[in-house]
Amino acid sequence: MKVAVAGANGQLGADVAAAFRERGDTVVPLTHEDMELSSLESVRNCLGGSGVEVVVNTAAMHHVERCEADPERAWLVNGLGARNLAEVTRGSGATLVHVSTDYVFDGTKGQPYVETDAPLPLNVYGNTKLAGEYFVRTLNPRHFVLRTSGLYGTNPCRAKGGRNFVDLMLKLGQERGKVRVVDSEFVSPTSTAELARQIVVVSSSEAFGLYHATAEGSCSWYEFAKEIFSLAGMMVQVEVASPSEFLAKVPRPLYSVLENKRLKENRLNVFRPWQTALAEYLTAIRERLSAQMLPA
């Protein structure tokens, strides 16, 4: 199968491309230099007539503060960009896998969100991603919209200065021996490698539609940090920070746990507990660092 991955140089996109290659598919990696999502002409020139059977869109403007400061650009990428991909893939008959976010919810439910829960975004990022979802769902019947949460992966996250939450905790823990993390926000930490494997699975099915796609289980950021240090074998003191200690500049949902209800109903769910995926990620980091230290 021929698969195009938009945002292939990103944290998730790199793992998605690798997962399809591992299965033996032909992968066309696309970056911003290859295709401007906000331009229908650019998307059509890049994908039209390419013979691509599946397009996976991992590209997004997902830095929450930057989205709030520049809503027009956020709309062009997250909303209009998704529309352009949906229109072009509909015309070519290709399947579109579009990655969305837990930030389409306001976080007031207090229990895991399922696909039938009404979205209510709190910020520009969530609103523009929700707009993108609607475009994909209405324009291309051969679609998978996957909402995910708390992503971390071995490829650098450019929007966050190259570090995800796990990497940041490891760095601060090593430097300070003590960290302070809030326990009032809850999430399902999800490995990009796990999500990439899930994307490969759904792309081979005909059960099109909207899905929640996160690691099994949930935790507060405080609990996540404690597990990181426990699995890494690091003696780091983790303290509970008050919500006012790290005030967010932009409103975010305090509870954005997602339940993979439709994946399970369609027997497509391949996610494992978040702790298992985290242990695998930390092992991959250690192996990479060991390889870098070997003599040439």
C-alpha atoms as a PDB file:
ATOM      1  CA  MET A   1       0.000   0.000   0.000  1.00  0.00           C
ATOM      2  CA  LYS A   2       1.191   3.529  -0.773  1.00  0.00           C
ATOM      3  CA  VAL A   3       0.853   5.869   2.209  1.00  0.00           C
ATOM      4  CA  ALA A   4       1.522   9.599   2.463  1.00  0.00           C
ATOM      5  CA  VAL A   5       2.296  11.045   5.901  1.00  0.00           C
ATOM      6  CA  ALA A   6       1.802  14.788   6.335  1.00  0.00           C
ATOM      7  CA  GLY A   7       4.052  16.135   9.090  1.00  0.00           C
ATOM      8  CA  ALA A   8       6.470  13.235   8.674  1.00  0.00           C
ATOM      9  CA  ASN A   9       9.296  15.107  10.406  1.00  0.00           C
ATOM     10  CA  GLY A  10       7.241  15.660  13.567  1.00  0.00           C
ATOM     11  CA  GLN A  11       7.081  13.737  16.829  1.00  0.00           C
ATOM     12  CA  LEU A  12       4.133  11.577  15.735  1.00  0.00           C
ATOM     13  CA  GLY A  13       4.692  11.674  11.987  1.00  0.00           C
ATOM     14  CA  ALA A  14       8.133  10.081  12.195  1.00  0.00           C
ATOM     15  CA  ASP A  15       6.737   7.101  14.116  1.00  0.00           C
ATOM     16  CA  VAL A  16       3.751   6.782  11.772  1.00  0.00           C
ATOM     17  CA  ALA A  17       6.066   6.645   8.751  1.00  0.00           C
ATOM     18  CA  ALA A  18       8.240   4.047  10.498  1.00  0.00           C
ATOM     19  CA  ALA A  19       5.238   1.892  11.447  1.00  0.00           C
ATOM     20  CA  PHE A  20       3.958   1.725   7.872  1.00  0.00           C
ATOM     21  CA  ARG A  21       7.440   0.967   6.545  1.00  0.00           C
ATOM     22  CA  GLU A  22       7.775  -1.825   9.096  1.00  0.00           C
ATOM     23  CA  ARG A  23       4.632  -3.388   7.653  1.00  0.00           C
ATOM     24  CA  GLY A  24       6.143  -3.211   4.180  1.00  0.00           C
ATOM     25  CA  ASP A  25       4.168  -0.261   2.816  1.00  0.00           C
ATOM     26  CA  THR A  26       5.568   2.398   0.517  1.00  0.00           C
ATOM     27  CA  VAL A  27       5.724   5.645   2.490  1.00  0.00           C
ATOM     28  CA  VAL A  28       5.757   9.155   1.040  1.00  0.00           C
ATOM     29  CA  PRO A  29       6.993  11.465   3.836  1.00  0.00           C
ATOM     30  CA  LEU A  30       5.683  15.008   3.490  1.00  0.00           C
ATOM     31  CA  THR A  31       6.807  18.135   5.332  1.00  0.00           C
ATOM     32  CA  HIS A  32       5.814  21.799   5.097  1.00  0.00           C
ATOM     33  CA  GLU A  33       8.433  22.227   2.374  1.00  0.00           C
ATOM     34  CA  ASP A  34       6.629  19.638   0.232  1.00  0.00           C
ATOM     35  CA  MET A  35       3.045  20.751   0.805  1.00  0.00           C
ATOM     36  CA  GLU A  36       1.367  23.856   2.220  1.00  0.00           C
ATOM     37  CA  LEU A  37      -1.784  22.562   3.910  1.00  0.00           C
ATOM     38  CA  SER A  38      -3.556  25.920   3.811  1.00  0.00           C
ATOM     39  CA  SER A  39      -3.324  25.980   0.003  1.00  0.00           C
ATOM     40  CA  LEU A  40      -5.751  23.735  -1.873  1.00  0.00           C
ATOM     41  CA  GLU A  41      -3.589  24.069  -4.983  1.00  0.00           C
ATOM     42  CA  SER A  42      -0.487  22.925  -3.104  1.00  0.00           C
ATOM     43  CA  VAL A  43      -2.286  19.933  -1.595  1.00  0.00           C
ATOM     44  CA  ARG A  44      -3.738  18.980  -4.986  1.00  0.00           C
ATOM     45  CA  ASN A  45      -0.384  19.314  -6.752  1.00  0.00           C
ATOM     46  CA  CYS A  46       1.307  17.174  -4.102  1.00  0.00           C
ATOM     47  CA  LEU A  47      -1.269  14.409  -3.741  1.00  0.00           C
ATOM     48  CA  GLY A  48      -3.394  14.517  -6.871  1.00  0.00           C
ATOM     49  CA  GLY A  49      -2.471  11.717  -9.256  1.00  0.00           C
ATOM     50  CA  SER A  50       0.161  10.369  -6.847  1.00  0.00           C
ATOM     51  CA  GLY A  51      -1.469   6.961  -6.502  1.00  0.00           C
ATOM     52  CA  VAL A  52      -1.499   7.308  -2.726  1.00  0.00           C
ATOM     53  CA  GLU A  53      -4.127   5.051  -1.131  1.00  0.00           C
ATOM     54  CA  VAL A  54      -3.930   6.387   2.436  1.00  0.00           C
ATOM     55  CA  VAL A  55      -3.073   9.878   3.680  1.00  0.00           C
ATOM     56  CA  VAL A  56      -2.257  10.307   7.370  1.00  0.00           C
ATOM     57  CA  ASN A  57      -2.414  13.882   8.616  1.00  0.00           C
ATOM     58  CA  THR A  58      -0.235  14.399  11.691  1.00  0.00           C
ATOM     59  CA  ALA A  59       0.570  18.006  10.758  1.00  0.00           C
ATOM     60  CA  ALA A  60      -0.927  20.712  12.938  1.00  0.00           C
ATOM     61  CA  MET A  61      -0.320  24.004  14.650  1.00  0.00           C
ATOM     62  CA  HIS A  62      -0.534  22.646  18.185  1.00  0.00           C
ATOM     63  CA  HIS A  63       1.367  25.124  20.326  1.00  0.00           C
ATOM     64  CA  VAL A  64      -1.618  26.336  22.369  1.00  0.00           C
ATOM     65  CA  GLU A  65      -0.282  29.809  23.196  1.00  0.00           C
ATOM     66  CA  ARG A  66       0.775  30.491  19.609  1.00  0.00           C
ATOM     67  CA  CYS A  67      -2.648  29.426  18.356  1.00  0.00           C
ATOM     68  CA  GLU A  68      -4.270  31.876  20.761  1.00  0.00           C
ATOM     69  CA  ALA A  69      -1.957  34.667  19.621  1.00  0.00           C
ATOM     70  CA  ASP A  70      -2.456  33.925  15.919  1.00  0.00           C
ATOM     71  CA  PRO A  71      -5.945  32.431  15.452  1.00  0.00           C
ATOM     72  CA  GLU A  72      -5.923  33.114  11.727  1.00  0.00           C
ATOM     73  CA  ARG A  73      -2.829  30.967  11.159  1.00  0.00           C
ATOM     74  CA  ALA A  74      -4.204  28.274  13.472  1.00  0.00           C
ATOM     75  CA  TRP A  75      -7.403  28.218  11.436  1.00  0.00           C
ATOM     76  CA  LEU A  76      -5.512  28.018   8.142  1.00  0.00           C
ATOM     77  CA  VAL A  77      -3.501  24.985   9.274  1.00  0.00           C
ATOM     78  CA  ASN A  78      -5.845  23.107  11.594  1.00  0.00           C
ATOM     79  CA  GLY A  79      -9.169  23.937   9.995  1.00  0.00           C
ATOM     80  CA  LEU A  80      -8.687  24.839   6.342  1.00  0.00           C
ATOM     81  CA  GLY A  81      -5.719  22.478   5.997  1.00  0.00           C
ATOM     82  CA  ALA A  82      -7.869  19.530   7.075  1.00  0.00           C
ATOM     83  CA  ARG A  83     -10.573  20.654   4.631  1.00  0.00           C
ATOM     84  CA  ASN A  84      -8.098  20.746   1.750  1.00  0.00           C
ATOM     85  CA  LEU A  85      -6.827  17.255   2.528  1.00  0.00           C
ATOM     86  CA  ALA A  86     -10.390  15.939   2.800  1.00  0.00           C
ATOM     87  CA  GLU A  87     -11.374  17.457  -0.538  1.00  0.00           C
ATOM     88  CA  VAL A  88      -8.346  16.162  -2.422  1.00  0.00           C
ATOM     89  CA  THR A  89      -8.509  12.659  -0.927  1.00  0.00           C
ATOM     90  CA  ARG A  90     -12.223  12.457  -1.648  1.00  0.00           C
ATOM     91  CA  GLY A  91     -11.481  13.244  -5.270  1.00  0.00           C
ATOM     92  CA  SER A  92      -8.778  10.586  -5.521  1.00  0.00           C
ATOM     93  CA  GLY A  93     -10.658   7.948  -3.515  1.00  0.00           C
ATOM     94  CA  ALA A  94      -7.920   7.783  -0.877  1.00  0.00           C
ATOM     95  CA  THR A  95      -8.577   7.136   2.801  1.00  0.00           C
ATOM     96  CA  LEU A  96      -7.788  10.058   5.116  1.00  0.00           C
ATOM     97  CA  VAL A  97      -6.580   9.417   8.671  1.00  0.00           C
ATOM     98  CA  HIS A  98      -6.746  12.700  10.560  1.00  0.00           C
ATOM     99  CA  VAL A  99      -5.237  13.094  14.039  1.00  0.00           C
ATOM    100  CA  SER A 100      -7.185  15.329  16.424  1.00  0.00           C
ATOM    101  CA  THR A 101      -7.062  16.148  20.126  1.00  0.00           C
ATOM    102  CA  ASP A 102      -8.625  15.796  23.558  1.00  0.00           C
ATOM    103  CA  TYR A 103      -8.734  19.609  23.645  1.00  0.00           C
ATOM    104  CA  VAL A 104     -12.060  19.548  21.792  1.00  0.00           C
ATOM    105  CA  PHE A 105     -13.602  18.982  25.269  1.00  0.00           C
ATOM    106  CA  ASP A 106     -13.898  21.418  28.182  1.00  0.00           C
ATOM    107  CA  GLY A 107     -12.847  18.878  30.825  1.00  0.00           C
ATOM    108  CA  THR A 108     -15.877  19.253  33.111  1.00  0.00           C
ATOM    109  CA  LYS A 109     -17.318  15.740  32.654  1.00  0.00           C
ATOM    110  CA  GLY A 110     -15.141  14.193  35.369  1.00  0.00           C
ATOM    111  CA  GLN A 111     -15.107  10.763  33.733  1.00  0.00           C
ATOM    112  CA  PRO A 112     -13.653   9.481  30.449  1.00  0.00           C
ATOM    113  CA  TYR A 113     -15.064  11.090  27.328  1.00  0.00           C
ATOM    114  CA  VAL A 114     -16.519   8.846  24.610  1.00  0.00           C
ATOM    115  CA  GLU A 115     -17.027   9.661  20.956  1.00  0.00           C
ATOM    116  CA  THR A 116     -20.701  10.598  21.407  1.00  0.00           C
ATOM    117  CA  ASP A 117     -19.982  13.276  24.039  1.00  0.00           C
ATOM    118  CA  ALA A 118     -20.585  16.825  22.830  1.00  0.00           C
ATOM    119  CA  PRO A 119     -17.351  18.784  22.258  1.00  0.00           C
ATOM    120  CA  LEU A 120     -16.884  22.227  23.773  1.00  0.00           C
ATOM    121  CA  PRO A 121     -13.357  23.607  23.231  1.00  0.00           C
ATOM    122  CA  LEU A 122     -11.906  26.170  25.611  1.00  0.00           C
ATOM    123  CA  ASN A 123      -9.330  27.750  23.306  1.00  0.00           C
ATOM    124  CA  VAL A 124      -8.389  28.560  19.718  1.00  0.00           C
ATOM    125  CA  TYR A 125      -6.390  25.367  19.299  1.00  0.00           C
ATOM    126  CA  GLY A 126      -9.323  23.177  20.329  1.00  0.00           C
ATOM    127  CA  ASN A 127     -11.782  25.138  18.199  1.00  0.00           C
ATOM    128  CA  THR A 128      -9.648  24.986  15.050  1.00  0.00           C
ATOM    129  CA  LYS A 129      -8.975  21.265  15.524  1.00  0.00           C
ATOM    130  CA  LEU A 130     -12.696  20.658  15.963  1.00  0.00           C
ATOM    131  CA  ALA A 131     -13.383  22.581  12.749  1.00  0.00           C
ATOM    132  CA  GLY A 132     -10.868  20.334  10.992  1.00  0.00           C
ATOM    133  CA  GLU A 133     -12.670  17.265  12.324  1.00  0.00           C
ATOM    134  CA  TYR A 134     -15.987  18.439  10.908  1.00  0.00           C
ATOM    135  CA  PHE A 135     -14.485  19.149   7.491  1.00  0.00           C
ATOM    136  CA  VAL A 136     -12.933  15.671   7.320  1.00  0.00           C
ATOM    137  CA  ARG A 137     -16.070  13.920   8.520  1.00  0.00           C
ATOM    138  CA  THR A 138     -18.359  15.711   6.075  1.00  0.00           C
ATOM    139  CA  LEU A 139     -16.174  15.839   2.948  1.00  0.00           C
ATOM    140  CA  ASN A 140     -14.526  12.405   2.698  1.00  0.00           C
ATOM    141  CA  PRO A 141     -16.612   9.355   3.636  1.00  0.00           C
ATOM    142  CA  ARG A 142     -13.422   7.265   3.753  1.00  0.00           C
ATOM    143  CA  HIS A 143     -12.103   8.911   6.901  1.00  0.00           C
ATOM    144  CA  PHE A 144     -10.748   8.083  10.315  1.00  0.00           C
ATOM    145  CA  VAL A 145     -10.604  10.935  12.824  1.00  0.00           C
ATOM    146  CA  LEU A 146      -8.518   9.893  15.819  1.00  0.00           C
ATOM    147  CA  ARG A 147      -8.565  12.028  18.954  1.00  0.00           C
ATOM    148  CA  THR A 148      -5.570  11.464  21.171  1.00  0.00           C
ATOM    149  CA  SER A 149      -4.015  12.874  24.352  1.00  0.00           C
ATOM    150  CA  GLY A 150      -0.721  13.581  26.136  1.00  0.00           C
ATOM    151  CA  LEU A 151       1.622  12.529  23.333  1.00  0.00           C
ATOM    152  CA  TYR A 152       5.313  11.794  23.838  1.00  0.00           C
ATOM    153  CA  GLY A 153       7.819  10.155  21.495  1.00  0.00           C
ATOM    154  CA  THR A 154      11.493   9.703  20.694  1.00  0.00           C
ATOM    155  CA  ASN A 155      11.428  12.185  17.797  1.00  0.00           C
ATOM    156  CA  PRO A 156      11.840  15.793  18.998  1.00  0.00           C
ATOM    157  CA  CYS A 157       8.671  17.824  19.464  1.00  0.00           C
ATOM    158  CA  ARG A 158       9.515  21.064  17.665  1.00  0.00           C
ATOM    159  CA  ALA A 159       6.559  22.990  19.089  1.00  0.00           C
ATOM    160  CA  LYS A 160       7.811  22.335  22.625  1.00  0.00           C
ATOM    161  CA  GLY A 161      11.455  23.122  22.097  1.00  0.00           C
ATOM    162  CA  GLY A 162      12.383  19.532  21.310  1.00  0.00           C
ATOM    163  CA  ARG A 163      11.273  18.081  24.663  1.00  0.00           C
ATOM    164  CA  ASN A 164       8.099  16.285  25.632  1.00  0.00           C
ATOM    165  CA  PHE A 165       6.893  15.929  29.238  1.00  0.00           C
ATOM    166  CA  VAL A 166       8.874  12.730  29.856  1.00  0.00           C
ATOM    167  CA  ASP A 167      12.108  14.243  28.563  1.00  0.00           C
ATOM    168  CA  LEU A 168      11.542  17.412  30.572  1.00  0.00           C
ATOM    169  CA  MET A 169      10.979  15.462  33.794  1.00  0.00           C
ATOM    170  CA  LEU A 170      14.126  13.400  33.242  1.00  0.00           C
ATOM    171  CA  LYS A 171      16.154  16.548  32.615  1.00  0.00           C
ATOM    172  CA  LEU A 172      14.803  18.432  35.637  1.00  0.00           C
ATOM    173  CA  GLY A 173      15.088  15.378  37.855  1.00  0.00           C
ATOM    174  CA  GLN A 174      18.728  14.898  36.932  1.00  0.00           C
ATOM    175  CA  GLU A 175      19.581  18.566  37.367  1.00  0.00           C
ATOM    176  CA  ARG A 176      17.629  19.321  40.554  1.00  0.00           C
ATOM    177  CA  GLY A 177      16.764  16.049  42.255  1.00  0.00           C
ATOM    178  CA  LYS A 178      13.315  17.516  42.957  1.00  0.00           C
ATOM    179  CA  VAL A 179      10.363  18.537  40.804  1.00  0.00           C
ATOM    180  CA  ARG A 180       6.960  20.046  41.476  1.00  0.00           C
ATOM    181  CA  VAL A 181       4.014  18.898  39.351  1.00  0.00           C
ATOM    182  CA  VAL A 182       0.274  19.575  39.523  1.00  0.00           C
ATOM    183  CA  ASP A 183      -2.095  16.780  40.527  1.00  0.00           C
ATOM    184  CA  SER A 184      -5.253  18.626  39.449  1.00  0.00           C
ATOM    185  CA  GLU A 185      -5.032  17.854  35.711  1.00  0.00           C
ATOM    186  CA  PHE A 186      -5.750  14.370  34.361  1.00  0.00           C
ATOM    187  CA  VAL A 187      -4.743  12.818  31.068  1.00  0.00           C
ATOM    188  CA  SER A 188      -4.058   9.517  29.289  1.00  0.00           C
ATOM    189  CA  PRO A 189      -0.325   9.712  28.448  1.00  0.00           C
ATOM    190  CA  THR A 190       0.077   8.218  24.976  1.00  0.00           C
ATOM    191  CA  SER A 191       3.241   7.043  23.270  1.00  0.00           C
ATOM    192  CA  THR A 192       3.547   8.109  19.632  1.00  0.00           C
ATOM    193  CA  ALA A 193       4.861   4.625  18.794  1.00  0.00           C
ATOM    194  CA  GLU A 194       1.657   3.111  20.211  1.00  0.00           C
ATOM    195  CA  LEU A 195      -0.553   5.584  18.360  1.00  0.00           C
ATOM    196  CA  ALA A 196       1.365   4.919  15.139  1.00  0.00           C
ATOM    197  CA  ARG A 197       0.678   1.184  15.452  1.00  0.00           C
ATOM    198  CA  GLN A 198      -2.992   1.952  16.049  1.00  0.00           C
ATOM    199  CA  ILE A 199      -3.118   4.124  12.940  1.00  0.00           C
ATOM    200  CA  VAL A 200      -1.710   1.273  10.832  1.00  0.00           C
ATOM    201  CA  VAL A 201      -4.406  -1.051  12.182  1.00  0.00           C
ATOM    202  CA  VAL A 202      -7.367   1.260  11.537  1.00  0.00           C
ATOM    203  CA  SER A 203      -6.108   2.261   8.090  1.00  0.00           C
ATOM    204  CA  SER A 204      -6.502  -1.355   6.972  1.00  0.00           C
ATOM    205  CA  SER A 205     -10.150  -1.520   8.012  1.00  0.00           C
ATOM    206  CA  GLU A 206     -13.350  -0.203   6.476  1.00  0.00           C
ATOM    207  CA  ALA A 207     -14.856   0.869   9.820  1.00  0.00           C
ATOM    208  CA  PHE A 208     -14.633   4.554   9.012  1.00  0.00           C
ATOM    209  CA  GLY A 209     -15.558   7.286  11.470  1.00  0.00           C
ATOM    210  CA  LEU A 210     -14.597   9.117  14.662  1.00  0.00           C
ATOM    211  CA  TYR A 211     -12.450   7.358  17.276  1.00  0.00           C
ATOM    212  CA  HIS A 212     -10.746   8.068  20.566  1.00  0.00           C
ATOM    213  CA  ALA A 213      -7.222   6.686  20.515  1.00  0.00           C
ATOM    214  CA  THR A 214      -5.173   6.869  23.711  1.00  0.00           C
ATOM    215  CA  ALA A 215      -3.236   4.560  25.987  1.00  0.00           C
ATOM    216  CA  GLU A 216      -5.327   2.560  28.440  1.00  0.00           C
ATOM    217  CA  GLY A 217      -5.819   4.147  31.850  1.00  0.00           C
ATOM    218  CA  SER A 218      -5.255   7.679  33.090  1.00  0.00           C
ATOM    219  CA  CYS A 219      -3.354   9.672  35.696  1.00  0.00           C
ATOM    220  CA  SER A 220      -2.606  13.164  36.914  1.00  0.00           C
ATOM    221  CA  TRP A 221       0.556  14.847  35.686  1.00  0.00           C
ATOM    222  CA  TYR A 222       1.912  14.326  39.222  1.00  0.00           C
ATOM    223  CA  GLU A 223       1.278  10.567  39.024  1.00  0.00           C
ATOM    224  CA  PHE A 224       2.791  10.499  35.546  1.00  0.00           C
ATOM    225  CA  ALA A 225       5.980  12.155  36.814  1.00  0.00           C
ATOM    226  CA  LYS A 226       6.286   9.721  39.732  1.00  0.00           C
ATOM    227  CA  GLU A 227       5.968   6.749  37.377  1.00  0.00           C
ATOM    228  CA  ILE A 228       8.590   8.202  35.025  1.00  0.00           C
ATOM    229  CA  PHE A 229      11.175   8.373  37.807  1.00  0.00           C
ATOM    230  CA  SER A 230      10.176   4.995  39.226  1.00  0.00           C
ATOM    231  CA  LEU A 231      10.601   3.220  35.882  1.00  0.00           C
ATOM    232  CA  ALA A 232      13.798   5.139  35.148  1.00  0.00           C
ATOM    233  CA  GLY A 233      15.247   4.112  38.519  1.00  0.00           C
ATOM    234  CA  MET A 234      15.869   7.711  39.545  1.00  0.00           C
ATOM    235  CA  MET A 235      15.660   8.939  43.141  1.00  0.00           C
ATOM    236  CA  VAL A 236      13.823  12.202  42.555  1.00  0.00           C
ATOM    237  CA  GLN A 237      11.540  13.939  45.029  1.00  0.00           C
ATOM    238  CA  VAL A 238       8.195  14.695  43.390  1.00  0.00           C
ATOM    239  CA  GLU A 239       6.066  17.304  45.142  1.00  0.00           C
ATOM    240  CA  VAL A 240       2.508  18.395  44.465  1.00  0.00           C
ATOM    241  CA  ALA A 241       2.322  21.884  43.001  1.00  0.00           C
ATOM    242  CA  SER A 242      -0.719  24.060  43.589  1.00  0.00           C
ATOM    243  CA  PRO A 243      -2.798  24.937  40.495  1.00  0.00           C
ATOM    244  CA  SER A 244      -1.813  28.588  40.943  1.00  0.00           C
ATOM    245  CA  GLU A 245       1.903  27.788  40.822  1.00  0.00           C
ATOM    246  CA  PHE A 246       1.983  27.166  37.081  1.00  0.00           C
ATOM    247  CA  LEU A 247      -0.825  29.336  35.790  1.00  0.00           C
ATOM    248  CA  ALA A 248      -1.686  28.630  32.162  1.00  0.00           C
ATOM    249  CA  LYS A 249      -1.871  31.621  29.836  1.00  0.00           C
ATOM    250  CA  VAL A 250      -4.660  29.903  27.889  1.00  0.00           C
ATOM    251  CA  PRO A 251      -7.592  27.887  29.340  1.00  0.00           C
ATOM    252  CA  ARG A 252      -7.118  24.134  29.105  1.00  0.00           C
ATOM    253  CA  PRO A 253      -9.360  21.205  30.094  1.00  0.00           C
ATOM    254  CA  LEU A 254      -8.454  19.916  33.559  1.00  0.00           C
ATOM    255  CA  TYR A 255      -9.820  16.456  32.794  1.00  0.00           C
ATOM    256  CA  SER A 256      -9.271  15.254  29.234  1.00  0.00           C
ATOM    257  CA  VAL A 257      -9.237  11.471  29.631  1.00  0.00           C
ATOM    258  CA  LEU A 258     -10.590   9.669  26.566  1.00  0.00           C
ATOM    259  CA  GLU A 259     -12.147   6.198  26.395  1.00  0.00           C
ATOM    260  CA  ASN A 260     -11.436   4.135  23.245  1.00  0.00           C
ATOM    261  CA  LYS A 261     -15.046   2.995  23.081  1.00  0.00           C
ATOM    262  CA  ARG A 262     -15.440   2.670  19.316  1.00  0.00           C
ATOM    263  CA  LEU A 263     -12.035   1.034  18.829  1.00  0.00           C
ATOM    264  CA  LYS A 264     -13.079  -1.647  21.294  1.00  0.00           C
ATOM    265  CA  GLU A 265     -16.546  -2.052  19.801  1.00  0.00           C
ATOM    266  CA  ASN A 266     -14.967  -2.657  16.382  1.00  0.00           C
ATOM    267  CA  ARG A 267     -12.219  -4.892  17.847  1.00  0.00           C
ATOM    268  CA  LEU A 268      -9.527  -2.556  16.581  1.00  0.00           C
ATOM    269  CA  ASN A 269      -7.996  -1.400  19.873  1.00  0.00           C
ATOM    270  CA  VAL A 270      -4.304  -2.310  20.238  1.00  0.00           C
ATOM    271  CA  PHE A 271      -3.392   0.129  23.011  1.00  0.00           C
ATOM    272  CA  ARG A 272      -1.778  -1.164  26.196  1.00  0.00           C
ATOM    273  CA  PRO A 273      -1.737   0.400  29.689  1.00  0.00           C
ATOM    274  CA  TRP A 274       0.082   3.734  29.689  1.00  0.00           C
ATOM    275  CA  GLN A 275       2.644   2.394  32.164  1.00  0.00           C
ATOM    276  CA  THR A 276       3.656  -0.409  29.743  1.00  0.00           C
ATOM    277  CA  ALA A 277       4.162   1.999  26.859  1.00  0.00           C
ATOM    278  CA  LEU A 278       6.132   4.372  29.107  1.00  0.00           C
ATOM    279  CA  ALA A 279       8.491   1.578  30.158  1.00  0.00           C
ATOM    280  CA  GLU A 280       9.045   0.728  26.485  1.00  0.00           C
ATOM    281  CA  TYR A 281       9.759   4.371  25.687  1.00  0.00           C
ATOM    282  CA  LEU A 282      12.328   4.691  28.489  1.00  0.00           C
ATOM    283  CA  THR A 283      14.057   1.527  27.258  1.00  0.00           C
ATOM    284  CA  ALA A 284      14.232   3.003  23.748  1.00  0.00           C
ATOM    285  CA  ILE A 285      15.799   6.178  25.158  1.00  0.00           C
ATOM    286  CA  ARG A 286      18.446   4.202  27.053  1.00  0.00           C
ATOM    287  CA  GLU A 287      19.289   2.138  23.967  1.00  0.00           C
ATOM    288  CA  ARG A 288      19.601   5.261  21.833  1.00  0.00           C
ATOM    289  CA  LEU A 289      21.894   6.989  24.333  1.00  0.00           C
ATOM    290  CA  SER A 290      24.049   3.849  24.646  1.00  0.00           C
ATOM    291  CA  ALA A 291      24.430   3.670  20.866  1.00  0.00           C
ATOM    292  CA  GLN A 292      25.443   7.331  20.705  1.00  0.00           C
ATOM    293  CA  MET A 293      28.179   6.737  23.299  1.00  0.00           C
ATOM    294  CA  LEU A 294      29.733   3.810  21.373  1.00  0.00           C
ATOM    295  CA  PRO A 295      33.032   4.603  19.604  1.00  0.00           C
ATOM    296  CA  ALA A 296      32.845   5.117  15.831  1.00  0.00           C
END
